């Protein structure tokens, strides 16, 4: 998306900046840029598998600790 704002005749720079800001807000460019700013990369399959295995191991570890506390 490209927006083009040209200075009108007898228009001061502040008015032109206001028109530009309004055009940016109405076009949705600013919202799109803010959404893209914090997009995270997709994790690879190997990393997903390793983290899932790690979660299972820690879960088993905590279950064993809880069983020992109760006994």
PDB file of N, CA and C in Angstrom:
ATOM      1  N   UNK A   1       0.839  -1.180   0.000  1.00  0.00           N
ATOM      2  CA  UNK A   1       0.000   0.000   0.000  1.00  0.00           C
ATOM      3  C   UNK A   1       0.879   1.236   0.000  1.00  0.00           C
ATOM      4  N   UNK A   2       0.559   2.147  -0.856  1.00  0.00           N
ATOM      5  CA  UNK A   2       1.298   3.398  -0.840  1.00  0.00           C
ATOM      6  C   UNK A   2       0.307   4.553  -0.808  1.00  0.00           C
ATOM      7  N   UNK A   3       0.592   5.474   0.040  1.00  0.00           N
ATOM      8  CA  UNK A   3      -0.221   6.680   0.157  1.00  0.00           C
ATOM      9  C   UNK A   3       0.600   7.855  -0.345  1.00  0.00           C
ATOM     10  N   UNK A   4      -0.054   8.704  -1.069  1.00  0.00           N
ATOM     11  CA  UNK A   4       0.644   9.872  -1.581  1.00  0.00           C
ATOM     12  C   UNK A   4      -0.142  11.104  -1.176  1.00  0.00           C
ATOM     13  N   UNK A   5       0.488  11.948  -0.403  1.00  0.00           N
ATOM     14  CA  UNK A   5      -0.118  13.192   0.041  1.00  0.00           C
ATOM     15  C   UNK A   5       0.728  14.328  -0.516  1.00  0.00           C
ATOM     16  N   UNK A   6       0.086  15.188  -1.277  1.00  0.00           N
ATOM     17  CA  UNK A   6       0.788  16.342  -1.833  1.00  0.00           C
ATOM     18  C   UNK A   6       0.297  17.604  -1.135  1.00  0.00           C
ATOM     19  N   UNK A   7       1.197  18.525  -0.980  1.00  0.00           N
ATOM     20  CA  UNK A   7       0.862  19.777  -0.324  1.00  0.00           C
ATOM     21  C   UNK A   7      -0.044  20.599  -1.230  1.00  0.00           C
ATOM     22  N   UNK A   8      -1.161  21.011  -0.651  1.00  0.00           N
ATOM     23  CA  UNK A   8      -2.091  21.835  -1.413  1.00  0.00           C
ATOM     24  C   UNK A   8      -1.581  23.269  -1.439  1.00  0.00           C
ATOM     25  N   UNK A   9      -2.184  24.034  -2.337  1.00  0.00           N
ATOM     26  CA  UNK A   9      -1.794  25.433  -2.450  1.00  0.00           C
ATOM     27  C   UNK A   9      -2.229  26.173  -1.185  1.00  0.00           C
ATOM     28  N   UNK A  10      -1.339  26.977  -0.660  1.00  0.00           N
ATOM     29  CA  UNK A  10      -1.586  27.796   0.531  1.00  0.00           C
ATOM     30  C   UNK A  10      -1.897  26.946   1.762  1.00  0.00           C
ATOM     31  N   UNK A  11      -1.330  25.752   1.838  1.00  0.00           N
ATOM     32  CA  UNK A  11      -1.521  24.869   2.997  1.00  0.00           C
ATOM     33  C   UNK A  11      -0.205  24.827   3.783  1.00  0.00           C
ATOM     34  N   UNK A  12      -0.317  25.010   5.082  1.00  0.00           N
ATOM     35  CA  UNK A  12       0.911  24.949   5.879  1.00  0.00           C
ATOM     36  C   UNK A  12       1.279  23.489   6.171  1.00  0.00           C
ATOM     37  N   UNK A  13       2.471  23.287   6.666  1.00  0.00           N
ATOM     38  CA  UNK A  13       2.967  21.918   6.856  1.00  0.00           C
ATOM     39  C   UNK A  13       2.208  21.184   7.963  1.00  0.00           C
ATOM     40  N   UNK A  14       1.756  21.895   8.960  1.00  0.00           N
ATOM     41  CA  UNK A  14       1.005  21.237  10.041  1.00  0.00           C
ATOM     42  C   UNK A  14      -0.299  20.650   9.528  1.00  0.00           C
ATOM     43  N   UNK A  15      -0.982  21.367   8.672  1.00  0.00           N
ATOM     44  CA  UNK A  15      -2.228  20.865   8.103  1.00  0.00           C
ATOM     45  C   UNK A  15      -1.964  19.662   7.203  1.00  0.00           C
ATOM     46  N   UNK A  16      -0.856  19.715   6.472  1.00  0.00           N
ATOM     47  CA  UNK A  16      -0.512  18.594   5.613  1.00  0.00           C
ATOM     48  C   UNK A  16      -0.188  17.349   6.439  1.00  0.00           C
ATOM     49  N   UNK A  17       0.506  17.525   7.544  1.00  0.00           N
ATOM     50  CA  UNK A  17       0.835  16.396   8.422  1.00  0.00           C
ATOM     51  C   UNK A  17      -0.443  15.818   9.022  1.00  0.00           C
ATOM     52  N   UNK A  18      -1.377  16.675   9.407  1.00  0.00           N
ATOM     53  CA  UNK A  18      -2.669  16.202   9.940  1.00  0.00           C
ATOM     54  C   UNK A  18      -3.412  15.382   8.896  1.00  0.00           C
ATOM     55  N   UNK A  19      -3.429  15.855   7.654  1.00  0.00           N
ATOM     56  CA  UNK A  19      -4.091  15.105   6.579  1.00  0.00           C
ATOM     57  C   UNK A  19      -3.408  13.757   6.358  1.00  0.00           C
ATOM     58  N   UNK A  20      -2.087  13.758   6.432  1.00  0.00           N
ATOM     59  CA  UNK A  20      -1.326  12.521   6.255  1.00  0.00           C
ATOM     60  C   UNK A  20      -1.654  11.519   7.368  1.00  0.00           C
ATOM     61  N   UNK A  21      -1.667  11.977   8.604  1.00  0.00           N
ATOM     62  CA  UNK A  21      -1.976  11.086   9.727  1.00  0.00           C
ATOM     63  C   UNK A  21      -3.384  10.515   9.605  1.00  0.00           C
ATOM     64  N   UNK A  22      -4.318  11.336   9.195  1.00  0.00           N
ATOM     65  CA  UNK A  22      -5.694  10.873   9.030  1.00  0.00           C
ATOM     66  C   UNK A  22      -5.778   9.827   7.912  1.00  0.00           C
ATOM     67  N   UNK A  23      -5.059  10.059   6.838  1.00  0.00           N
ATOM     68  CA  UNK A  23      -5.071   9.106   5.722  1.00  0.00           C
ATOM     69  C   UNK A  23      -4.445   7.773   6.133  1.00  0.00           C
ATOM     70  N   UNK A  24      -3.390   7.831   6.924  1.00  0.00           N
ATOM     71  CA  UNK A  24      -2.734   6.613   7.409  1.00  0.00           C
ATOM     72  C   UNK A  24      -3.700   5.829   8.295  1.00  0.00           C
ATOM     73  N   UNK A  25      -4.389   6.496   9.189  1.00  0.00           N
ATOM     74  CA  UNK A  25      -5.324   5.815  10.085  1.00  0.00           C
ATOM     75  C   UNK A  25      -6.477   5.191   9.311  1.00  0.00           C
ATOM     76  N   UNK A  26      -7.004   5.895   8.348  1.00  0.00           N
ATOM     77  CA  UNK A  26      -8.144   5.386   7.593  1.00  0.00           C
ATOM     78  C   UNK A  26      -7.760   4.222   6.687  1.00  0.00           C
ATOM     79  N   UNK A  27      -6.525   4.204   6.211  1.00  0.00           N
ATOM     80  CA  UNK A  27      -6.122   3.138   5.298  1.00  0.00           C
ATOM     81  C   UNK A  27      -5.815   1.831   6.022  1.00  0.00           C
ATOM     82  N   UNK A  28      -5.513   1.885   7.315  1.00  0.00           N
ATOM     83  CA  UNK A  28      -5.209   0.680   8.074  1.00  0.00           C
ATOM     84  C   UNK A  28      -3.753   0.265   7.988  1.00  0.00           C
ATOM     85  N   UNK A  29      -2.917   1.085   7.422  1.00  0.00           N
ATOM     86  CA  UNK A  29      -1.499   0.765   7.290  1.00  0.00           C
ATOM     87  C   UNK A  29      -0.845   0.651   8.665  1.00  0.00           C
ATOM     88  N   UNK A  30      -1.179   1.556   9.552  1.00  0.00           N
ATOM     89  CA  UNK A  30      -0.566   1.578  10.872  1.00  0.00           C
ATOM     90  C   UNK A  30      -0.914   0.314  11.659  1.00  0.00           C
ATOM     91  N   UNK A  31      -2.162  -0.122  11.587  1.00  0.00           N
ATOM     92  CA  UNK A  31      -2.570  -1.345  12.275  1.00  0.00           C
ATOM     93  C   UNK A  31      -1.814  -2.551  11.737  1.00  0.00           C
ATOM     94  N   UNK A  32      -1.658  -2.628  10.442  1.00  0.00           N
ATOM     95  CA  UNK A  32      -0.953  -3.743   9.823  1.00  0.00           C
ATOM     96  C   UNK A  32       0.511  -3.768  10.261  1.00  0.00           C
ATOM     97  N   UNK A  33       1.146  -2.628  10.314  1.00  0.00           N
ATOM     98  CA  UNK A  33       2.548  -2.555  10.716  1.00  0.00           C
ATOM     99  C   UNK A  33       2.697  -2.963  12.175  1.00  0.00           C
ATOM    100  N   UNK A  34       1.789  -2.529  13.033  1.00  0.00           N
ATOM    101  CA  UNK A  34       1.869  -2.896  14.449  1.00  0.00           C
ATOM    102  C   UNK A  34       1.648  -4.392  14.646  1.00  0.00           C
ATOM    103  N   UNK A  35       0.779  -4.998  13.838  1.00  0.00           N
ATOM    104  CA  UNK A  35       0.574  -6.446  13.928  1.00  0.00           C
ATOM    105  C   UNK A  35       1.841  -7.194  13.523  1.00  0.00           C
ATOM    106  N   UNK A  36       2.493  -6.748  12.483  1.00  0.00           N
ATOM    107  CA  UNK A  36       3.684  -7.426  11.985  1.00  0.00           C
ATOM    108  C   UNK A  36       4.896  -7.232  12.886  1.00  0.00           C
ATOM    109  N   UNK A  37       4.857  -6.220  13.723  1.00  0.00           N
ATOM    110  CA  UNK A  37       6.014  -5.876  14.534  1.00  0.00           C
ATOM    111  C   UNK A  37       6.388  -6.996  15.507  1.00  0.00           C
ATOM    112  N   UNK A  38       5.396  -7.678  16.081  1.00  0.00           N
ATOM    113  CA  UNK A  38       5.669  -8.655  17.125  1.00  0.00           C
ATOM    114  C   UNK A  38       5.345 -10.079  16.699  1.00  0.00           C
ATOM    115  N   UNK A  39       5.373 -10.376  15.420  1.00  0.00           N
ATOM    116  CA  UNK A  39       5.086 -11.728  14.944  1.00  0.00           C
ATOM    117  C   UNK A  39       6.266 -12.630  15.287  1.00  0.00           C
ATOM    118  N   UNK A  40       5.948 -13.790  15.863  1.00  0.00           N
ATOM    119  CA  UNK A  40       6.999 -14.733  16.226  1.00  0.00           C
ATOM    120  C   UNK A  40       7.207 -15.730  15.097  1.00  0.00           C
ATOM    121  N   UNK A  41       8.430 -16.202  14.991  1.00  0.00           N
ATOM    122  CA  UNK A  41       8.733 -17.199  13.989  1.00  0.00           C
ATOM    123  C   UNK A  41       8.137 -18.539  14.405  1.00  0.00           C
ATOM    124  N   UNK A  42       7.824 -19.372  13.420  1.00  0.00           N
ATOM    125  CA  UNK A  42       7.342 -20.718  13.689  1.00  0.00           C
ATOM    126  C   UNK A  42       8.509 -21.582  14.158  1.00  0.00           C
ATOM    127  N   UNK A  43       8.257 -22.416  15.166  1.00  0.00           N
ATOM    128  CA  UNK A  43       9.293 -23.311  15.653  1.00  0.00           C
ATOM    129  C   UNK A  43       9.405 -24.507  14.724  1.00  0.00           C
ATOM    130  N   UNK A  44      10.608 -25.037  14.610  1.00  0.00           N
ATOM    131  CA  UNK A  44      10.806 -26.202  13.759  1.00  0.00           C
ATOM    132  C   UNK A  44      10.210 -27.436  14.441  1.00  0.00           C
ATOM    133  N   UNK A  45      10.006 -28.486  13.685  1.00  0.00           N
ATOM    134  CA  UNK A  45       9.401 -29.709  14.210  1.00  0.00           C
ATOM    135  C   UNK A  45      10.258 -30.321  15.312  1.00  0.00           C
ATOM    136  N   UNK A  46      11.577 -30.332  15.125  1.00  0.00           N
ATOM    137  CA  UNK A  46      12.460 -30.918  16.137  1.00  0.00           C
ATOM    138  C   UNK A  46      12.376 -30.167  17.459  1.00  0.00           C
ATOM    139  N   UNK A  47      12.324 -28.855  17.397  1.00  0.00           N
ATOM    140  CA  UNK A  47      12.247 -28.061  18.616  1.00  0.00           C
ATOM    141  C   UNK A  47      10.915 -28.312  19.318  1.00  0.00           C
ATOM    142  N   UNK A  48       9.821 -28.431  18.558  1.00  0.00           N
ATOM    143  CA  UNK A  48       8.517 -28.723  19.158  1.00  0.00           C
ATOM    144  C   UNK A  48       8.539 -30.069  19.865  1.00  0.00           C
ATOM    145  N   UNK A  49       9.134 -31.080  19.226  1.00  0.00           N
ATOM    146  CA  UNK A  49       9.198 -32.418  19.824  1.00  0.00           C
ATOM    147  C   UNK A  49      10.032 -32.409  21.099  1.00  0.00           C
ATOM    148  N   UNK A  50      11.192 -31.742  21.058  1.00  0.00           N
ATOM    149  CA  UNK A  50      12.051 -31.688  22.233  1.00  0.00           C
ATOM    150  C   UNK A  50      11.359 -30.998  23.405  1.00  0.00           C
ATOM    151  N   UNK A  51      10.659 -29.914  23.129  1.00  0.00           N
ATOM    152  CA  UNK A  51       9.985 -29.201  24.216  1.00  0.00           C
ATOM    153  C   UNK A  51       8.827 -30.026  24.776  1.00  0.00           C
ATOM    154  N   UNK A  52       8.134 -30.786  23.916  1.00  0.00           N
ATOM    155  CA  UNK A  52       7.049 -31.644  24.392  1.00  0.00           C
ATOM    156  C   UNK A  52       7.607 -32.751  25.280  1.00  0.00           C
ATOM    157  N   UNK A  53       8.716 -33.344  24.878  1.00  0.00           N
ATOM    158  CA  UNK A  53       9.338 -34.383  25.702  1.00  0.00           C
ATOM    159  C   UNK A  53       9.803 -33.826  27.038  1.00  0.00           C
ATOM    160  N   UNK A  54      10.366 -32.636  27.005  1.00  0.00           N
ATOM    161  CA  UNK A  54      10.821 -32.002  28.237  1.00  0.00           C
ATOM    162  C   UNK A  54       9.643 -31.740  29.174  1.00  0.00           C
ATOM    163  N   UNK A  55       8.519 -31.302  28.617  1.00  0.00           N
ATOM    164  CA  UNK A  55       7.324 -31.077  29.445  1.00  0.00           C
ATOM    165  C   UNK A  55       6.858 -32.369  30.095  1.00  0.00           C
ATOM    166  N   UNK A  56       6.832 -33.458  29.316  1.00  0.00           N
ATOM    167  CA  UNK A  56       6.409 -34.744  29.867  1.00  0.00           C
ATOM    168  C   UNK A  56       7.338 -35.210  30.984  1.00  0.00           C
ATOM    169  N   UNK A  57       8.647 -35.044  30.795  1.00  0.00           N
ATOM    170  CA  UNK A  57       9.599 -35.454  31.822  1.00  0.00           C
ATOM    171  C   UNK A  57       9.420 -34.660  33.105  1.00  0.00           C
ATOM    172  N   UNK A  58       9.245 -33.363  32.992  1.00  0.00           N
ATOM    173  CA  UNK A  58       9.065 -32.550  34.206  1.00  0.00           C
ATOM    174  C   UNK A  58       7.744 -32.882  34.886  1.00  0.00           C
ATOM    175  N   UNK A  59       6.712 -33.186  34.094  1.00  0.00           N
ATOM    176  CA  UNK A  59       5.425 -33.554  34.677  1.00  0.00           C
ATOM    177  C   UNK A  59       5.551 -34.850  35.476  1.00  0.00           C
ATOM    178  N   UNK A  60       6.256 -35.829  34.914  1.00  0.00           N
ATOM    179  CA  UNK A  60       6.474 -37.097  35.624  1.00  0.00           C
ATOM    180  C   UNK A  60       7.275 -36.870  36.893  1.00  0.00           C
ATOM    181  N   UNK A  61       8.271 -35.997  36.807  1.00  0.00           N
ATOM    182  CA  UNK A  61       9.113 -35.700  37.963  1.00  0.00           C
ATOM    183  C   UNK A  61       8.287 -35.110  39.100  1.00  0.00           C
ATOM    184  N   UNK A  62       7.413 -34.158  38.776  1.00  0.00           N
ATOM    185  CA  UNK A  62       6.582 -33.539  39.808  1.00  0.00           C
ATOM    186  C   UNK A  62       5.557 -34.516  40.364  1.00  0.00           C
ATOM    187  N   UNK A  63       5.050 -35.420  39.531  1.00  0.00           N
ATOM    188  CA  UNK A  63       4.110 -36.426  40.017  1.00  0.00           C
ATOM    189  C   UNK A  63       4.791 -37.361  41.007  1.00  0.00           C
ATOM    190  N   UNK A  64       6.031 -37.743  40.717  1.00  0.00           N
ATOM    191  CA  UNK A  64       6.783 -38.602  41.638  1.00  0.00           C
ATOM    192  C   UNK A  64       7.028 -37.881  42.956  1.00  0.00           C
ATOM    193  N   UNK A  65       7.366 -36.606  42.881  1.00  0.00           N
ATOM    194  CA  UNK A  65       7.604 -35.831  44.111  1.00  0.00           C
ATOM    195  C   UNK A  65       6.320 -35.769  44.941  1.00  0.00           C
ATOM    196  N   UNK A  66       5.181 -35.545  44.312  1.00  0.00           N
ATOM    197  CA  UNK A  66       3.915 -35.476  45.032  1.00  0.00           C
ATOM    198  C   UNK A  66       3.560 -36.811  45.649  1.00  0.00           C
ATOM    199  N   UNK A  67       3.838 -37.926  44.945  1.00  0.00           N
ATOM    200  CA  UNK A  67       3.566 -39.247  45.505  1.00  0.00           C
ATOM    201  C   UNK A  67       4.415 -39.506  46.738  1.00  0.00           C
ATOM    202  N   UNK A  68       5.671 -39.074  46.674  1.00  0.00           N
ATOM    203  CA  UNK A  68       6.568 -39.274  47.824  1.00  0.00           C
ATOM    204  C   UNK A  68       6.139 -38.441  49.018  1.00  0.00           C
ATOM    205  N   UNK A  69       5.585 -37.256  48.769  1.00  0.00           N
ATOM    206  CA  UNK A  69       5.108 -36.402  49.870  1.00  0.00           C
ATOM    207  C   UNK A  69       3.926 -37.048  50.569  1.00  0.00           C
ATOM    208  N   UNK A  70       3.032 -37.671  49.814  1.00  0.00           N
ATOM    209  CA  UNK A  70       1.835 -38.266  50.378  1.00  0.00           C
ATOM    210  C   UNK A  70       2.145 -39.539  51.149  1.00  0.00           C
ATOM    211  N   UNK A  71       3.172 -40.239  50.754  1.00  0.00           N
ATOM    212  CA  UNK A  71       3.483 -41.534  51.405  1.00  0.00           C
ATOM    213  C   UNK A  71       4.150 -41.373  52.737  1.00  0.00           C
TER     214      UNK A  71
END
